[in-house]
């Protein structure tokens, strides 16, 4: 099967690369990877790590996200790209009953016939809450320890695409997007695409979303009425899934900084806004902001402004402290 994305005259001027990572797409694609066997040279170590930490709530996501084939579009709302994980997860929780029913009906019978999936299709609040808890737990336990290295590789891809765009414009950007992608204006063709159909942009433009857990072939949303995105694989470093800090090291950091501040430092390892980090440690944004200020003044956390929000990440010194590894400045 091949996917054909048809551009109108105005669409080439509305192509852009997503400015930030889409965490919900990464979670969905990671759920796919956890159930697959290919790509072992990149994902085998992470799969072993993740498989040993799966819980019941996380497995609900695996039911909705088969290794191959259709996954419901409502799991990857556009709000995650514009507002971050919390905004995206809220959008998932607030999906309307009609959409839930229509999209879940497209799952294979063996998956859609789970009692809790049928309840989800009816919009049952308790089951939507449990799904949200499972998605949040999946991110926290299986992705957060590796977010710094993921973000580094995603940032490198975005920087490379920006250079390509400066050198050769949209034509060169689309022509070099991925080996499976062919750009023959006005059609972008994805060989072995997820759906054998034509997607007409009709002046809506196209958002290109680099994704760490995407593998082999770019993917799209199935519903052509949704804002068009093309999620494509980045180039990977093969040795990336280094273990997270061990419990003993976290306890030592906790004794040094205090339990709450150590929790803030650990949460900052995955990056995020003040509100997102506050949610991780179950504190108010004001409290988290004060702890982040102290950590920033100590050189352990980096902060940058993105619009109306502040995004935080670990400094090299903060990472060395959290992981218990030497830093050249110590």
Protein backbone atom coordinates (compact mmCIF):
# COMPACT_ATOMS: atom_id res chain seq x y z
CA UNK A 1 0.00 0.00 0.00
CA UNK A 2 1.08 3.57 -0.59
CA UNK A 3 -0.09 6.84 0.90
CA UNK A 4 -0.40 9.84 -1.41
CA UNK A 5 -0.55 13.31 0.12
CA UNK A 6 -1.91 15.76 -2.46
CA UNK A 7 -0.93 19.41 -2.09
CA UNK A 8 -2.91 22.37 -3.39
CA UNK A 9 -1.14 25.52 -4.64
CA UNK A 10 -1.18 27.07 -1.18
CA UNK A 11 -0.11 23.99 0.80
CA UNK A 12 3.63 24.10 0.03
CA UNK A 13 3.79 27.45 1.80
CA UNK A 14 2.13 25.89 4.85
CA UNK A 15 4.56 23.04 5.44
CA UNK A 16 6.35 23.23 8.77
CA UNK A 17 8.34 21.01 11.09
CA UNK A 18 6.86 20.72 14.57
CA UNK A 19 8.73 22.99 16.97
CA UNK A 20 8.45 20.64 19.94
CA UNK A 21 8.19 16.92 20.55
CA UNK A 22 4.75 15.35 20.51
CA UNK A 23 4.79 13.22 23.65
CA UNK A 24 1.48 11.47 22.94
CA UNK A 25 2.68 10.36 19.52
CA UNK A 26 5.85 9.07 21.18
CA UNK A 27 3.80 7.18 23.78
CA UNK A 28 1.61 5.60 21.10
CA UNK A 29 4.57 4.63 18.91
CA UNK A 30 6.45 3.29 21.94
CA UNK A 31 3.43 1.10 22.70
CA UNK A 32 3.71 -0.25 19.14
CA UNK A 33 7.44 -0.88 19.58
CA UNK A 34 6.94 -2.75 22.81
CA UNK A 35 4.87 -5.33 20.91
CA UNK A 36 7.16 -5.66 17.88
CA UNK A 37 10.30 -7.66 17.16
CA UNK A 38 11.99 -5.63 14.42
CA UNK A 39 14.37 -2.76 15.07
CA UNK A 40 16.18 -4.77 17.74
CA UNK A 41 19.43 -2.89 17.11
CA UNK A 42 17.73 0.29 18.33
CA UNK A 43 14.92 -0.79 20.66
CA UNK A 44 15.86 -4.19 22.16
CA UNK A 45 17.40 -2.80 25.35
CA UNK A 46 14.51 -0.41 25.89
CA UNK A 47 11.98 -3.21 25.30
CA UNK A 48 13.61 -5.30 28.04
CA UNK A 49 13.56 -2.32 30.39
CA UNK A 50 9.92 -1.48 29.57
CA UNK A 51 8.59 -5.05 29.65
CA UNK A 52 9.84 -5.49 33.21
CA UNK A 53 7.98 -2.37 34.37
CA UNK A 54 4.61 -2.74 32.66
CA UNK A 55 1.59 -2.49 34.93
CA UNK A 56 -2.07 -3.26 34.41
CA UNK A 57 -3.07 0.34 33.65
CA UNK A 58 -0.28 0.63 31.05
CA UNK A 59 -1.43 -2.57 29.33
CA UNK A 60 -4.73 -0.87 28.48
CA UNK A 61 -2.82 1.35 26.10
CA UNK A 62 -1.26 -1.73 24.47
CA UNK A 63 -4.74 -3.10 23.77
CA UNK A 64 -5.65 0.10 21.90
CA UNK A 65 -2.30 0.27 20.09
CA UNK A 66 -1.58 -2.96 18.18
CA UNK A 67 1.97 -3.49 16.94
CA UNK A 68 0.72 -2.92 13.39
CA UNK A 69 -2.46 -1.59 11.92
CA UNK A 70 -4.95 0.93 13.20
CA UNK A 71 -4.71 2.81 16.49
CA UNK A 72 -7.47 5.29 17.38
CA UNK A 73 -6.72 8.86 16.33
CA UNK A 74 -8.07 10.30 19.59
CA UNK A 75 -4.92 9.03 21.35
CA UNK A 76 -2.76 11.62 19.56
CA UNK A 77 -4.63 14.98 19.69
CA UNK A 78 -3.07 18.13 18.24
CA UNK A 79 -3.22 19.78 21.67
CA UNK A 80 -0.12 17.82 22.74
CA UNK A 81 2.01 19.65 20.14
CA UNK A 82 0.80 23.09 21.11
CA UNK A 83 0.31 22.71 24.85
CA UNK A 84 2.45 19.77 25.95
CA UNK A 85 1.61 16.51 27.65
CA UNK A 86 -0.94 17.80 30.15
CA UNK A 87 -2.96 19.59 27.46
CA UNK A 88 -2.83 16.54 25.23
CA UNK A 89 -3.89 14.16 27.98
CA UNK A 90 -6.79 16.44 28.88
CA UNK A 91 -7.87 16.36 25.22
CA UNK A 92 -7.77 12.55 25.27
CA UNK A 93 -9.92 12.46 28.43
CA UNK A 94 -12.43 14.88 26.92
CA UNK A 95 -12.95 12.96 23.67
CA UNK A 96 -16.63 12.87 22.83
CA UNK A 97 -18.69 9.69 22.97
CA UNK A 98 -19.51 9.66 19.24
CA UNK A 99 -15.84 9.84 18.27
CA UNK A 100 -14.85 7.22 20.82
CA UNK A 101 -17.48 4.84 19.53
CA UNK A 102 -16.56 5.39 15.86
CA UNK A 103 -12.81 5.02 16.33
CA UNK A 104 -12.83 2.10 18.74
CA UNK A 105 -15.16 0.23 16.38
CA UNK A 106 -12.28 0.11 13.89
CA UNK A 107 -10.11 -2.01 16.20
CA UNK A 108 -9.93 -5.77 15.55
CA UNK A 109 -12.76 -7.69 17.31
CA UNK A 110 -10.37 -9.35 19.76
CA UNK A 111 -9.41 -5.91 21.06
CA UNK A 112 -12.64 -3.95 20.87
CA UNK A 113 -14.54 -6.71 22.69
CA UNK A 114 -12.73 -6.21 25.99
CA UNK A 115 -15.45 -5.14 28.47
CA UNK A 116 -13.51 -1.99 29.41
CA UNK A 117 -13.06 -1.07 25.72
CA UNK A 118 -16.82 -1.36 25.22
CA UNK A 119 -17.28 0.86 28.28
CA UNK A 120 -14.75 3.29 26.82
CA UNK A 121 -16.76 3.41 23.59
CA UNK A 122 -19.77 4.43 25.65
CA UNK A 123 -17.75 7.27 27.14
CA UNK A 124 -17.81 5.87 30.68
CA UNK A 125 -15.99 8.42 32.84
CA UNK A 126 -14.29 5.87 35.10
CA UNK A 127 -12.80 4.01 32.16
CA UNK A 128 -11.63 7.24 30.51
CA UNK A 129 -9.95 8.18 33.80
CA UNK A 130 -8.22 4.79 34.02
CA UNK A 131 -7.00 5.10 30.44
CA UNK A 132 -5.58 8.53 31.22
CA UNK A 133 -3.85 7.14 34.31
CA UNK A 134 -2.37 4.33 32.23
CA UNK A 135 -1.03 6.76 29.61
CA UNK A 136 0.49 8.97 32.30
CA UNK A 137 2.06 5.95 34.02
CA UNK A 138 3.46 4.71 30.68
CA UNK A 139 5.14 8.05 30.10
CA UNK A 140 6.46 8.36 33.64
CA UNK A 141 7.86 4.82 33.98
CA UNK A 142 8.89 3.87 30.45
CA UNK A 143 9.75 7.10 28.62
CA UNK A 144 10.72 9.72 31.21
CA UNK A 145 14.05 8.07 32.14
CA UNK A 146 15.13 8.33 28.51
CA UNK A 147 13.61 11.68 27.54
CA UNK A 148 16.90 13.62 27.65
CA UNK A 149 18.57 11.41 25.05
CA UNK A 150 15.37 11.28 23.00
CA UNK A 151 15.06 15.06 23.08
CA UNK A 152 18.69 15.45 22.03
CA UNK A 153 18.19 13.28 18.97
CA UNK A 154 14.87 14.92 18.10
CA UNK A 155 16.44 18.38 18.43
CA UNK A 156 19.26 17.30 16.13
CA UNK A 157 16.73 16.20 13.53
CA UNK A 158 14.82 19.48 13.74
CA UNK A 159 18.07 21.45 13.38
CA UNK A 160 19.01 19.40 10.33
CA UNK A 161 15.60 19.98 8.72
CA UNK A 162 15.96 23.72 9.33
CA UNK A 163 19.27 23.72 7.48
CA UNK A 164 17.76 21.75 4.60
CA UNK A 165 14.90 24.23 4.40
CA UNK A 166 17.34 27.17 4.30
CA UNK A 167 19.41 25.53 1.55
CA UNK A 168 16.71 24.24 -0.73
CA UNK A 169 13.28 25.30 0.47
CA UNK A 170 10.25 23.08 0.85
CA UNK A 171 11.09 21.02 -2.25
CA UNK A 172 14.39 19.85 -0.77
CA UNK A 173 12.82 19.36 2.67
CA UNK A 174 10.15 17.05 1.31
CA UNK A 175 12.54 15.28 -1.09
CA UNK A 176 14.94 14.34 1.71
CA UNK A 177 12.41 13.59 4.44
CA UNK A 178 12.82 9.81 4.47
CA UNK A 179 13.93 7.02 2.08
CA UNK A 180 10.33 5.81 1.73
CA UNK A 181 9.09 9.28 0.76
CA UNK A 182 9.02 10.62 -2.80
CA UNK A 183 8.13 14.21 -3.65
CA UNK A 184 6.71 14.69 -7.14
CA UNK A 185 4.75 17.96 -6.96
CA UNK A 186 1.94 18.17 -6.15
CA UNK A 187 2.00 14.68 -4.58
CA UNK A 188 4.06 13.38 -1.68
CA UNK A 189 4.13 9.61 -1.90
CA UNK A 190 4.90 7.34 1.06
CA UNK A 191 5.75 3.83 -0.10
CA UNK A 192 4.43 1.09 2.19
CA UNK A 193 2.35 3.71 3.96
CA UNK A 194 0.01 2.86 6.84
CA UNK A 195 -3.10 3.38 4.73
CA UNK A 196 -3.41 2.91 0.98
CA UNK A 197 -5.26 6.09 0.16
CA UNK A 198 -4.96 9.72 -0.86
CA UNK A 199 -4.91 12.51 1.70
CA UNK A 200 -5.92 15.87 0.24
CA UNK A 201 -4.56 18.82 2.16
CA UNK A 202 -6.94 21.36 0.57
CA UNK A 203 -5.07 24.41 1.85
CA UNK A 204 -4.63 23.14 5.44
CA UNK A 205 -0.88 22.68 5.12
CA UNK A 206 1.11 19.83 6.63
CA UNK A 207 2.93 19.51 9.95
CA UNK A 208 5.99 17.25 9.82
CA UNK A 209 6.51 15.57 13.19
CA UNK A 210 9.86 13.88 13.87
CA UNK A 211 9.34 10.91 16.18
CA UNK A 212 11.85 8.87 18.11
CA UNK A 213 9.77 5.69 18.32
CA UNK A 214 8.56 5.82 14.72
CA UNK A 215 10.24 3.00 12.78
CA UNK A 216 10.81 2.29 9.10
CA UNK A 217 7.81 4.11 7.63
CA UNK A 218 6.16 7.50 8.29
CA UNK A 219 2.59 7.45 9.54
CA UNK A 220 -0.50 9.68 9.53
CA UNK A 221 -3.87 9.96 11.19
CA UNK A 222 -6.54 7.84 9.56
CA UNK A 223 -9.30 10.47 9.67
CA UNK A 224 -8.65 12.86 6.73
CA UNK A 225 -10.79 15.55 8.38
CA UNK A 226 -8.28 15.99 11.25
CA UNK A 227 -5.44 18.54 10.97
CA UNK A 228 -2.90 16.85 8.65
CA UNK A 229 0.36 15.57 10.14
CA UNK A 230 3.07 13.31 8.79
CA UNK A 231 4.99 11.59 11.59
CA UNK A 232 8.36 10.35 10.36
CA UNK A 233 11.27 8.34 11.84
CA UNK A 234 14.47 10.09 12.84
CA UNK A 235 17.95 8.63 12.60
CA UNK A 236 18.81 6.84 15.83
CA UNK A 237 21.88 6.30 17.90
CA UNK A 238 21.99 2.55 18.47
CA UNK A 239 23.20 2.70 22.10
CA UNK A 240 20.75 5.08 23.72
CA UNK A 241 18.72 3.14 26.30
CA UNK A 242 21.07 3.56 29.25
CA UNK A 243 19.50 2.62 32.57
CA UNK A 244 17.92 5.36 34.69
CA UNK A 245 19.38 6.39 38.04
CA UNK A 246 19.26 3.57 40.58
CA UNK A 247 17.28 3.80 43.77
CA UNK A 248 20.40 4.15 45.91
CA UNK A 249 21.59 7.17 43.97
CA UNK A 250 18.17 8.81 44.22
CA UNK A 251 18.23 8.28 47.98
CA UNK A 252 21.66 9.91 48.22
CA UNK A 253 20.45 12.91 46.18
CA UNK A 254 17.35 13.07 48.40
CA UNK A 255 19.49 13.27 51.54
CA UNK A 256 21.54 16.06 49.95
CA UNK A 257 18.74 18.20 48.55
CA UNK A 258 15.71 17.11 50.53
CA UNK A 259 13.01 14.76 49.29
CA UNK A 260 10.86 17.29 47.42
CA UNK A 261 13.74 19.08 45.71
CA UNK A 262 15.26 15.74 44.69
CA UNK A 263 11.88 14.77 43.20
CA UNK A 264 11.86 18.02 41.22
CA UNK A 265 15.35 17.28 39.94
CA UNK A 266 14.31 13.76 38.91
CA UNK A 267 11.20 15.11 37.15
CA UNK A 268 13.31 17.67 35.28
CA UNK A 269 15.27 14.77 33.72
CA UNK A 270 12.36 14.24 31.33
CA UNK A 271 11.93 17.96 30.68
CA UNK A 272 8.70 19.89 30.85
CA UNK A 273 6.94 23.04 31.91
CA UNK A 274 6.57 24.20 35.50
CA UNK A 275 2.99 22.89 35.55
CA UNK A 276 4.01 19.50 34.14
CA UNK A 277 6.82 19.05 36.67
CA UNK A 278 4.50 20.15 39.48
CA UNK A 279 2.07 17.44 38.38
CA UNK A 280 4.83 14.81 38.52
CA UNK A 281 5.65 15.60 42.13
CA UNK A 282 2.05 16.40 43.12
CA UNK A 283 2.85 19.93 44.23
CA UNK A 284 1.45 23.32 43.32
CA UNK A 285 3.06 25.17 40.37
CA UNK A 286 4.15 27.91 42.80
CA UNK A 287 5.96 25.40 45.00
CA UNK A 288 7.58 23.67 42.01
CA UNK A 289 8.63 27.05 40.61
CA UNK A 290 10.41 27.94 43.86
CA UNK A 291 12.27 24.61 43.95
CA UNK A 292 13.25 25.03 40.31
CA UNK A 293 14.57 28.51 41.06
CA UNK A 294 16.86 27.13 43.77
CA UNK A 295 18.05 24.29 41.52
CA UNK A 296 18.64 26.71 38.65
CA UNK A 297 20.70 29.05 40.85
CA UNK A 298 22.77 26.02 41.90
CA UNK A 299 23.45 25.22 38.24
CA UNK A 300 21.50 21.95 38.29
CA UNK A 301 18.55 22.95 36.08
CA UNK A 302 18.28 24.91 32.83
CA UNK A 303 15.21 27.02 32.04
CA UNK A 304 14.11 28.58 28.76
CA UNK A 305 11.02 30.55 27.86
CA UNK A 306 8.63 29.18 25.21
CA UNK A 307 5.82 31.65 24.73
CA UNK A 308 3.95 32.01 27.99
CA UNK A 309 5.54 28.97 29.63
CA UNK A 310 8.94 28.06 31.05
CA UNK A 311 10.52 24.77 29.94
CA UNK A 312 12.98 23.09 32.30
CA UNK A 313 15.66 20.45 31.79
CA UNK A 314 18.73 19.17 33.61
CA UNK A 315 22.08 20.84 33.18
CA UNK A 316 25.11 18.55 32.69
CA UNK A 317 25.93 19.13 36.36
CA UNK A 318 22.38 18.21 37.39
CA UNK A 319 22.51 15.04 35.30
CA UNK A 320 25.85 14.06 36.78
CA UNK A 321 24.43 14.49 40.28
CA UNK A 322 21.26 12.55 39.51
CA UNK A 323 22.98 9.70 37.70
CA UNK A 324 26.00 9.51 39.97
CA UNK A 325 28.38 9.89 37.02
CA UNK A 326 31.51 12.06 36.95
CA UNK A 327 31.30 15.53 35.48
CA UNK A 328 34.39 17.24 34.12
CA UNK A 329 33.71 20.29 36.28
CA UNK A 330 33.54 18.37 39.58
